[in-house]
């Protein structure tokens, strides 16, 4: 009986020190956000046919960049004459650039940036194809959109 009681106490003692496991699942989430601001929103074409500005980018995910021209060129305010120009948008930190004619920007042009760009800069350069010859004002609006895009590559 003593032997049996000793064996029973030994079993209880071993069970008192047995391990239990708990699996914990950790979850975190940050909403995707892309912000950018233009150094200058009203660009004036210089007499030599150039204009440029910089865009400050702060994006916490890969992004899709799109550009669209309202007129497809500089439209003369008193008529329908259009002056075409070339656009170059480059993002050095992402090793990305897009060069297009204003005429092709009547349909949205896009490209994907797979890198995450915290505090980065994009350079926008415009160059007239032909000089402006008619007196008066010319205008076009270029819409640039930077949208967070998990489709464009994800976090690496």
N, C-alpha and C. Protein backbone atom coordinates (compact mmCIF):
# COMPACT_ATOMS: atom_id res chain seq x y z
N UNK A 1 0.81 -1.17 0.00
CA UNK A 1 0.00 0.00 0.00
C UNK A 1 0.86 1.26 0.00
N UNK A 2 1.94 1.22 0.78
CA UNK A 2 2.83 2.36 0.80
C UNK A 2 3.41 2.60 -0.58
N UNK A 3 3.73 1.51 -1.25
CA UNK A 3 4.29 1.63 -2.59
C UNK A 3 3.27 2.28 -3.54
N UNK A 4 2.03 1.83 -3.43
CA UNK A 4 0.97 2.37 -4.28
C UNK A 4 0.73 3.84 -3.97
N UNK A 5 0.72 4.23 -2.70
CA UNK A 5 0.52 5.61 -2.30
C UNK A 5 1.68 6.49 -2.79
N UNK A 6 2.89 6.00 -2.72
CA UNK A 6 4.07 6.73 -3.21
C UNK A 6 3.99 6.94 -4.71
N UNK A 7 3.57 5.91 -5.42
CA UNK A 7 3.42 6.00 -6.88
C UNK A 7 2.35 7.03 -7.25
N UNK A 8 1.23 7.02 -6.51
CA UNK A 8 0.13 7.95 -6.76
C UNK A 8 0.58 9.39 -6.49
N UNK A 9 1.29 9.65 -5.41
CA UNK A 9 1.80 10.99 -5.10
C UNK A 9 2.80 11.46 -6.15
N UNK A 10 3.60 10.56 -6.66
CA UNK A 10 4.58 10.90 -7.70
C UNK A 10 3.86 11.33 -8.97
N UNK A 11 2.77 10.64 -9.32
CA UNK A 11 2.00 11.00 -10.53
C UNK A 11 1.38 12.38 -10.38
N UNK A 12 0.82 12.66 -9.19
CA UNK A 12 0.22 13.98 -8.97
C UNK A 12 1.28 15.08 -9.02
N UNK A 13 2.45 14.81 -8.48
CA UNK A 13 3.53 15.80 -8.47
C UNK A 13 3.99 16.09 -9.91
N UNK A 14 4.06 15.05 -10.72
CA UNK A 14 4.49 15.25 -12.11
C UNK A 14 3.45 16.07 -12.87
N UNK A 15 2.18 15.82 -12.64
CA UNK A 15 1.12 16.56 -13.31
C UNK A 15 1.09 18.03 -12.87
N UNK A 16 1.51 18.29 -11.66
CA UNK A 16 1.51 19.67 -11.17
C UNK A 16 2.52 20.53 -11.95
N UNK A 17 3.53 19.90 -12.51
CA UNK A 17 4.55 20.62 -13.26
C UNK A 17 4.43 20.44 -14.78
N UNK A 18 3.35 19.91 -15.26
CA UNK A 18 3.20 19.72 -16.71
C UNK A 18 2.92 21.07 -17.38
N UNK A 19 3.26 21.18 -18.66
CA UNK A 19 3.12 22.43 -19.41
C UNK A 19 1.80 22.48 -20.16
N UNK A 20 1.20 23.66 -20.19
CA UNK A 20 0.06 23.92 -21.05
C UNK A 20 0.53 24.93 -22.10
N UNK A 21 -0.07 24.90 -23.28
CA UNK A 21 0.29 25.83 -24.34
C UNK A 21 -0.87 26.74 -24.67
N UNK A 22 -0.53 27.96 -25.00
CA UNK A 22 -1.52 28.92 -25.47
C UNK A 22 -0.93 29.55 -26.73
N UNK A 23 -1.68 29.57 -27.81
CA UNK A 23 -1.25 30.22 -29.04
C UNK A 23 -1.92 31.59 -29.12
N UNK A 24 -1.12 32.63 -29.27
CA UNK A 24 -1.65 33.98 -29.37
C UNK A 24 -1.50 34.47 -30.80
N UNK A 25 -2.53 35.05 -31.34
CA UNK A 25 -2.48 35.64 -32.68
C UNK A 25 -2.41 37.15 -32.52
N UNK A 26 -1.39 37.75 -33.12
CA UNK A 26 -1.20 39.19 -33.06
C UNK A 26 -1.62 39.79 -34.40
N UNK A 27 -2.39 40.84 -34.36
CA UNK A 27 -2.90 41.48 -35.57
C UNK A 27 -2.66 42.98 -35.48
N UNK A 28 -2.22 43.57 -36.57
CA UNK A 28 -2.04 45.02 -36.64
C UNK A 28 -2.53 45.51 -37.98
N UNK A 29 -2.92 46.78 -38.05
CA UNK A 29 -3.40 47.34 -39.30
C UNK A 29 -3.14 48.84 -39.33
N UNK A 30 -2.63 49.30 -40.45
CA UNK A 30 -2.47 50.73 -40.70
C UNK A 30 -3.14 51.00 -42.04
N UNK A 31 -4.02 51.97 -42.10
CA UNK A 31 -4.70 52.31 -43.35
C UNK A 31 -3.69 52.86 -44.35
N UNK A 32 -3.82 52.46 -45.63
CA UNK A 32 -2.93 53.03 -46.64
C UNK A 32 -3.23 54.51 -46.84
N UNK A 33 -2.17 55.29 -47.04
CA UNK A 33 -2.35 56.73 -47.18
C UNK A 33 -1.25 57.28 -48.10
N UNK A 34 -1.65 58.03 -49.08
CA UNK A 34 -0.70 58.74 -49.96
C UNK A 34 -1.06 60.21 -49.94
N UNK A 35 -0.10 61.01 -49.59
CA UNK A 35 -0.27 62.46 -49.62
C UNK A 35 0.82 63.05 -50.49
N UNK A 36 0.45 64.05 -51.27
CA UNK A 36 1.46 64.78 -52.00
C UNK A 36 1.00 66.20 -52.20
N UNK A 37 1.96 67.09 -52.25
CA UNK A 37 1.66 68.50 -52.44
C UNK A 37 2.60 69.06 -53.51
N UNK A 38 2.09 70.02 -54.26
CA UNK A 38 2.88 70.66 -55.31
C UNK A 38 3.58 71.89 -54.75
N UNK A 39 4.82 72.05 -55.13
CA UNK A 39 5.57 73.25 -54.75
C UNK A 39 4.87 74.48 -55.32
N UNK A 40 4.37 74.36 -56.55
CA UNK A 40 3.69 75.45 -57.22
C UNK A 40 2.56 74.85 -58.05
N UNK A 41 1.31 75.24 -57.79
CA UNK A 41 0.16 74.69 -58.51
C UNK A 41 -0.16 75.44 -59.79
N UNK A 42 0.31 76.66 -59.92
CA UNK A 42 0.07 77.47 -61.12
C UNK A 42 1.39 77.66 -61.85
N UNK A 43 1.60 76.86 -62.87
CA UNK A 43 2.86 76.93 -63.61
C UNK A 43 2.73 77.91 -64.77
N UNK A 44 3.74 78.73 -64.93
CA UNK A 44 3.78 79.69 -66.03
C UNK A 44 4.89 79.23 -66.98
N UNK A 45 4.50 79.02 -68.24
CA UNK A 45 5.48 78.62 -69.24
C UNK A 45 6.40 79.81 -69.52
N UNK A 46 7.69 79.58 -69.39
CA UNK A 46 8.65 80.67 -69.61
C UNK A 46 8.74 80.98 -71.10
N UNK A 47 9.44 82.06 -71.43
CA UNK A 47 9.57 82.47 -72.83
C UNK A 47 10.32 81.43 -73.66
N UNK A 48 11.13 80.61 -73.02
CA UNK A 48 11.83 79.56 -73.76
C UNK A 48 11.02 78.26 -73.81
N UNK A 49 9.77 78.28 -73.30
CA UNK A 49 8.88 77.14 -73.45
C UNK A 49 8.96 76.07 -72.38
N UNK A 50 9.49 76.41 -71.21
CA UNK A 50 9.65 75.42 -70.14
C UNK A 50 8.89 75.84 -68.88
N UNK A 51 8.48 74.85 -68.11
CA UNK A 51 7.93 75.06 -66.76
C UNK A 51 8.23 73.80 -65.96
N UNK A 52 8.43 73.96 -64.67
CA UNK A 52 8.65 72.78 -63.83
C UNK A 52 8.26 73.07 -62.39
N UNK A 53 8.04 71.99 -61.67
CA UNK A 53 7.73 72.08 -60.24
C UNK A 53 8.10 70.76 -59.60
N UNK A 54 8.06 70.73 -58.28
CA UNK A 54 8.31 69.51 -57.53
C UNK A 54 7.08 69.14 -56.73
N UNK A 55 6.87 67.85 -56.57
CA UNK A 55 5.78 67.33 -55.75
C UNK A 55 6.39 66.60 -54.56
N UNK A 56 6.02 67.00 -53.36
CA UNK A 56 6.48 66.30 -52.15
C UNK A 56 5.55 65.12 -51.92
N UNK A 57 6.12 63.92 -51.82
CA UNK A 57 5.34 62.69 -51.68
C UNK A 57 5.59 62.08 -50.30
N UNK A 58 4.51 61.64 -49.66
CA UNK A 58 4.61 60.89 -48.42
C UNK A 58 3.55 59.79 -48.49
N UNK A 59 4.00 58.57 -48.76
CA UNK A 59 3.08 57.46 -49.01
C UNK A 59 3.54 56.24 -48.20
N UNK A 60 2.61 55.57 -47.52
CA UNK A 60 2.99 54.43 -46.68
C UNK A 60 2.72 53.08 -47.34
N UNK A 61 2.51 53.07 -48.65
CA UNK A 61 2.31 51.82 -49.37
C UNK A 61 2.75 52.03 -50.82
N UNK A 62 2.89 50.95 -51.57
CA UNK A 62 3.11 51.14 -53.00
C UNK A 62 1.95 51.95 -53.56
N UNK A 63 2.14 52.55 -54.73
CA UNK A 63 1.09 53.43 -55.24
C UNK A 63 0.97 53.34 -56.75
N UNK A 64 -0.16 53.82 -57.22
CA UNK A 64 -0.43 53.97 -58.65
C UNK A 64 -0.46 55.46 -58.92
N UNK A 65 0.29 55.90 -59.95
CA UNK A 65 0.34 57.30 -60.33
C UNK A 65 -0.36 57.45 -61.68
N UNK A 66 -1.27 58.41 -61.77
CA UNK A 66 -1.94 58.66 -63.04
C UNK A 66 -1.93 60.15 -63.36
N UNK A 67 -1.89 60.45 -64.67
CA UNK A 67 -1.93 61.84 -65.14
C UNK A 67 -2.97 61.94 -66.24
N UNK A 68 -3.66 63.08 -66.26
CA UNK A 68 -4.71 63.34 -67.24
C UNK A 68 -4.71 64.83 -67.56
N UNK A 69 -4.79 65.17 -68.86
CA UNK A 69 -4.86 66.56 -69.29
C UNK A 69 -6.31 66.91 -69.64
N UNK A 70 -6.75 68.06 -69.18
CA UNK A 70 -8.12 68.50 -69.46
C UNK A 70 -8.32 68.81 -70.95
N UNK A 71 -7.32 69.45 -71.58
CA UNK A 71 -7.46 69.88 -72.97
C UNK A 71 -6.59 69.10 -73.96
N UNK A 72 -5.56 68.42 -73.49
CA UNK A 72 -4.62 67.76 -74.40
C UNK A 72 -3.60 68.73 -74.98
N UNK A 73 -3.48 69.89 -74.39
CA UNK A 73 -2.53 70.92 -74.81
C UNK A 73 -2.95 72.25 -74.22
N UNK A 74 -2.12 73.26 -74.43
CA UNK A 74 -2.48 74.61 -73.96
C UNK A 74 -3.51 75.19 -74.92
N UNK A 75 -4.71 75.43 -74.42
CA UNK A 75 -5.79 75.96 -75.24
C UNK A 75 -5.78 77.48 -75.16
N UNK A 76 -5.82 78.13 -76.35
CA UNK A 76 -5.90 79.59 -76.41
C UNK A 76 -7.27 80.01 -75.89
N UNK A 77 -7.32 80.96 -74.97
CA UNK A 77 -8.56 81.35 -74.30
C UNK A 77 -9.60 81.97 -75.24
N UNK A 78 -9.16 82.60 -76.32
CA UNK A 78 -10.11 83.24 -77.23
C UNK A 78 -10.39 82.38 -78.47
N UNK A 79 -10.01 81.12 -78.46
CA UNK A 79 -10.23 80.27 -79.63
C UNK A 79 -10.09 78.80 -79.28
N UNK A 80 -9.90 78.01 -80.31
CA UNK A 80 -9.80 76.57 -80.11
C UNK A 80 -8.39 76.06 -80.39
N UNK A 81 -7.45 76.98 -80.69
CA UNK A 81 -6.08 76.56 -81.01
C UNK A 81 -5.43 75.90 -79.79
N UNK A 82 -4.79 74.73 -80.02
CA UNK A 82 -4.07 74.01 -78.98
C UNK A 82 -2.58 73.99 -79.28
N UNK A 83 -1.77 74.24 -78.28
CA UNK A 83 -0.32 74.06 -78.38
C UNK A 83 0.07 72.84 -77.56
N UNK A 84 0.63 71.85 -78.22
CA UNK A 84 1.05 70.63 -77.52
C UNK A 84 2.30 70.89 -76.68
N UNK A 85 2.46 70.09 -75.66
CA UNK A 85 3.66 70.15 -74.83
C UNK A 85 4.00 68.73 -74.40
N UNK A 86 5.24 68.54 -74.00
CA UNK A 86 5.69 67.25 -73.48
C UNK A 86 5.79 67.33 -71.97
N UNK A 87 5.42 66.25 -71.32
CA UNK A 87 5.42 66.18 -69.86
C UNK A 87 6.38 65.08 -69.43
N UNK A 88 7.20 65.37 -68.43
CA UNK A 88 8.05 64.35 -67.83
C UNK A 88 7.82 64.38 -66.33
N UNK A 89 7.40 63.26 -65.77
CA UNK A 89 7.25 63.11 -64.32
C UNK A 89 8.24 62.05 -63.88
N UNK A 90 9.16 62.41 -62.99
CA UNK A 90 10.17 61.46 -62.53
C UNK A 90 10.24 61.43 -61.01
N UNK A 91 10.40 60.21 -60.50
CA UNK A 91 10.54 59.99 -59.06
C UNK A 91 11.86 59.26 -58.86
N UNK A 92 12.89 60.00 -58.49
CA UNK A 92 14.24 59.45 -58.40
C UNK A 92 14.34 58.31 -57.39
N UNK A 93 13.70 58.46 -56.21
CA UNK A 93 13.80 57.43 -55.17
C UNK A 93 13.19 56.10 -55.60
N UNK A 94 12.29 56.12 -56.56
CA UNK A 94 11.66 54.89 -57.05
C UNK A 94 12.23 54.46 -58.39
N UNK A 95 13.16 55.24 -58.93
CA UNK A 95 13.74 54.96 -60.24
C UNK A 95 12.63 54.80 -61.29
N UNK A 96 11.66 55.72 -61.25
CA UNK A 96 10.50 55.69 -62.15
C UNK A 96 10.37 57.02 -62.86
N UNK A 97 9.94 56.97 -64.11
CA UNK A 97 9.61 58.20 -64.82
C UNK A 97 8.62 57.89 -65.93
N UNK A 98 7.88 58.93 -66.31
CA UNK A 98 6.93 58.83 -67.41
C UNK A 98 7.10 60.08 -68.26
N UNK A 99 7.31 59.88 -69.55
CA UNK A 99 7.39 60.99 -70.50
C UNK A 99 6.30 60.78 -71.54
N UNK A 100 5.42 61.78 -71.67
CA UNK A 100 4.30 61.68 -72.60
C UNK A 100 4.03 63.05 -73.22
N UNK A 101 3.33 63.01 -74.34
CA UNK A 101 2.85 64.22 -74.99
C UNK A 101 1.52 64.60 -74.36
N UNK A 102 1.24 65.89 -74.30
CA UNK A 102 -0.03 66.35 -73.74
C UNK A 102 -1.21 65.77 -74.52
N UNK A 103 -1.03 65.51 -75.79
CA UNK A 103 -2.11 64.96 -76.61
C UNK A 103 -2.51 63.55 -76.16
N UNK A 104 -1.55 62.76 -75.66
CA UNK A 104 -1.88 61.42 -75.18
C UNK A 104 -2.50 61.45 -73.78
N UNK A 105 -2.37 62.59 -73.11
CA UNK A 105 -2.91 62.71 -71.75
C UNK A 105 -4.41 62.98 -71.72
N UNK A 106 -5.05 63.03 -72.89
CA UNK A 106 -6.51 63.15 -72.89
C UNK A 106 -7.13 61.85 -72.37
N UNK A 107 -6.35 60.78 -72.41
CA UNK A 107 -6.71 59.50 -71.78
C UNK A 107 -5.72 59.31 -70.64
N UNK A 108 -6.20 58.96 -69.47
CA UNK A 108 -5.35 58.82 -68.29
C UNK A 108 -4.18 57.87 -68.55
N UNK A 109 -2.97 58.31 -68.21
CA UNK A 109 -1.76 57.50 -68.32
C UNK A 109 -1.32 57.13 -66.90
N UNK A 110 -1.02 55.85 -66.67
CA UNK A 110 -0.67 55.41 -65.31
C UNK A 110 0.62 54.59 -65.29
N UNK A 111 1.22 54.56 -64.12
CA UNK A 111 2.31 53.62 -63.85
C UNK A 111 2.30 53.29 -62.37
N UNK A 112 2.86 52.14 -62.03
CA UNK A 112 2.90 51.68 -60.65
C UNK A 112 4.27 51.92 -60.04
N UNK A 113 4.27 52.30 -58.78
CA UNK A 113 5.50 52.47 -58.01
C UNK A 113 5.49 51.40 -56.93
N UNK A 114 6.42 50.46 -57.01
CA UNK A 114 6.45 49.34 -56.07
C UNK A 114 7.12 49.67 -54.74
N UNK A 115 7.88 50.75 -54.71
CA UNK A 115 8.56 51.15 -53.48
C UNK A 115 7.64 52.01 -52.62
N UNK A 116 7.93 52.04 -51.33
CA UNK A 116 7.19 52.92 -50.42
C UNK A 116 8.01 54.19 -50.27
N UNK A 117 7.37 55.32 -50.52
CA UNK A 117 8.07 56.60 -50.58
C UNK A 117 7.67 57.51 -49.43
N UNK A 118 8.43 57.42 -48.35
CA UNK A 118 8.25 58.37 -47.25
C UNK A 118 9.11 59.58 -47.57
N UNK A 119 8.55 60.76 -47.50
CA UNK A 119 9.30 62.01 -47.68
C UNK A 119 10.17 61.99 -48.93
N UNK A 120 9.56 61.80 -50.06
CA UNK A 120 10.25 61.75 -51.34
C UNK A 120 9.81 62.92 -52.22
N UNK A 121 10.44 63.07 -53.37
CA UNK A 121 10.14 64.18 -54.26
C UNK A 121 9.98 63.66 -55.69
N UNK A 122 8.96 64.15 -56.37
CA UNK A 122 8.77 63.89 -57.79
C UNK A 122 9.00 65.21 -58.53
N UNK A 123 9.63 65.14 -59.68
CA UNK A 123 9.86 66.34 -60.49
C UNK A 123 8.97 66.29 -61.72
N UNK A 124 8.26 67.39 -61.94
CA UNK A 124 7.39 67.52 -63.10
C UNK A 124 7.97 68.60 -64.00
N UNK A 125 8.24 68.23 -65.26
CA UNK A 125 8.81 69.17 -66.23
C UNK A 125 7.92 69.21 -67.46
N UNK A 126 7.64 70.43 -67.93
CA UNK A 126 6.83 70.64 -69.13
C UNK A 126 7.66 71.39 -70.15
N UNK A 127 7.50 71.02 -71.43
CA UNK A 127 8.21 71.69 -72.51
C UNK A 127 7.28 71.82 -73.71
N UNK A 128 7.12 73.04 -74.20
CA UNK A 128 6.28 73.26 -75.38
C UNK A 128 6.90 72.59 -76.61
N UNK A 129 6.05 72.02 -77.46
CA UNK A 129 6.52 71.45 -78.71
C UNK A 129 6.82 72.59 -79.69
N UNK A 130 5.91 73.54 -79.81
CA UNK A 130 6.08 74.73 -80.66
C UNK A 130 5.85 75.96 -79.79
N UNK A 131 6.52 77.07 -80.12
CA UNK A 131 6.33 78.28 -79.30
C UNK A 131 4.91 78.83 -79.43
N UNK A 132 4.49 79.56 -78.41
CA UNK A 132 3.19 80.24 -78.44
C UNK A 132 3.33 81.44 -79.37
N UNK A 133 2.37 81.62 -80.32
CA UNK A 133 2.50 82.72 -81.27
C UNK A 133 1.33 83.70 -81.24
N UNK A 134 0.17 83.25 -80.78
CA UNK A 134 -1.00 84.13 -80.75
C UNK A 134 -1.05 84.87 -79.42
N UNK A 135 -1.34 86.15 -79.46
CA UNK A 135 -1.44 86.95 -78.24
C UNK A 135 -2.62 86.45 -77.41
N UNK A 136 -2.50 86.53 -76.11
CA UNK A 136 -3.58 86.12 -75.22
C UNK A 136 -3.14 85.04 -74.25
N UNK A 137 -4.10 84.57 -73.49
CA UNK A 137 -3.84 83.56 -72.47
C UNK A 137 -4.07 82.15 -73.01
N UNK A 138 -3.27 81.22 -72.49
CA UNK A 138 -3.39 79.80 -72.81
C UNK A 138 -3.54 79.07 -71.49
N UNK A 139 -4.27 77.96 -71.53
CA UNK A 139 -4.45 77.22 -70.28
C UNK A 139 -4.72 75.74 -70.53
N UNK A 140 -4.26 74.94 -69.60
CA UNK A 140 -4.59 73.52 -69.53
C UNK A 140 -4.50 73.14 -68.06
N UNK A 141 -5.16 72.07 -67.69
CA UNK A 141 -5.09 71.55 -66.34
C UNK A 141 -4.62 70.10 -66.41
N UNK A 142 -3.55 69.79 -65.70
CA UNK A 142 -3.07 68.41 -65.60
C UNK A 142 -3.48 67.89 -64.23
N UNK A 143 -4.18 66.78 -64.22
CA UNK A 143 -4.58 66.15 -62.96
C UNK A 143 -3.64 64.98 -62.70
N UNK A 144 -2.97 65.06 -61.57
CA UNK A 144 -2.06 64.00 -61.15
C UNK A 144 -2.67 63.35 -59.92
N UNK A 145 -2.74 62.05 -59.93
CA UNK A 145 -3.33 61.32 -58.81
C UNK A 145 -2.36 60.24 -58.36
N UNK A 146 -2.12 60.17 -57.05
CA UNK A 146 -1.30 59.12 -56.46
C UNK A 146 -2.19 58.37 -55.49
N UNK A 147 -2.39 57.08 -55.76
CA UNK A 147 -3.34 56.28 -55.00
C UNK A 147 -2.62 55.09 -54.39
N UNK A 148 -2.81 54.83 -53.08
CA UNK A 148 -2.23 53.62 -52.49
C UNK A 148 -2.71 52.40 -53.27
N UNK A 149 -1.80 51.48 -53.52
CA UNK A 149 -2.16 50.33 -54.34
C UNK A 149 -1.45 49.08 -53.87
N UNK A 150 -2.17 48.20 -53.20
CA UNK A 150 -1.59 46.92 -52.81
C UNK A 150 -1.34 46.06 -54.04
N UNK A 151 -2.07 46.33 -55.12
CA UNK A 151 -1.92 45.55 -56.35
C UNK A 151 -0.57 45.80 -57.01
N UNK A 152 0.02 46.95 -56.76
CA UNK A 152 1.23 47.30 -57.48
C UNK A 152 2.49 46.68 -56.89
N UNK A 153 2.38 45.82 -55.92
CA UNK A 153 3.59 45.12 -55.50
C UNK A 153 3.61 44.69 -54.04
N UNK A 154 2.95 45.41 -53.17
CA UNK A 154 2.95 45.02 -51.76
C UNK A 154 4.24 45.41 -51.07
N UNK A 155 4.29 45.18 -49.80
CA UNK A 155 5.44 45.54 -48.97
C UNK A 155 6.48 44.46 -49.10
N UNK A 156 7.73 44.88 -49.24
CA UNK A 156 8.84 43.93 -49.36
C UNK A 156 9.80 44.07 -48.23
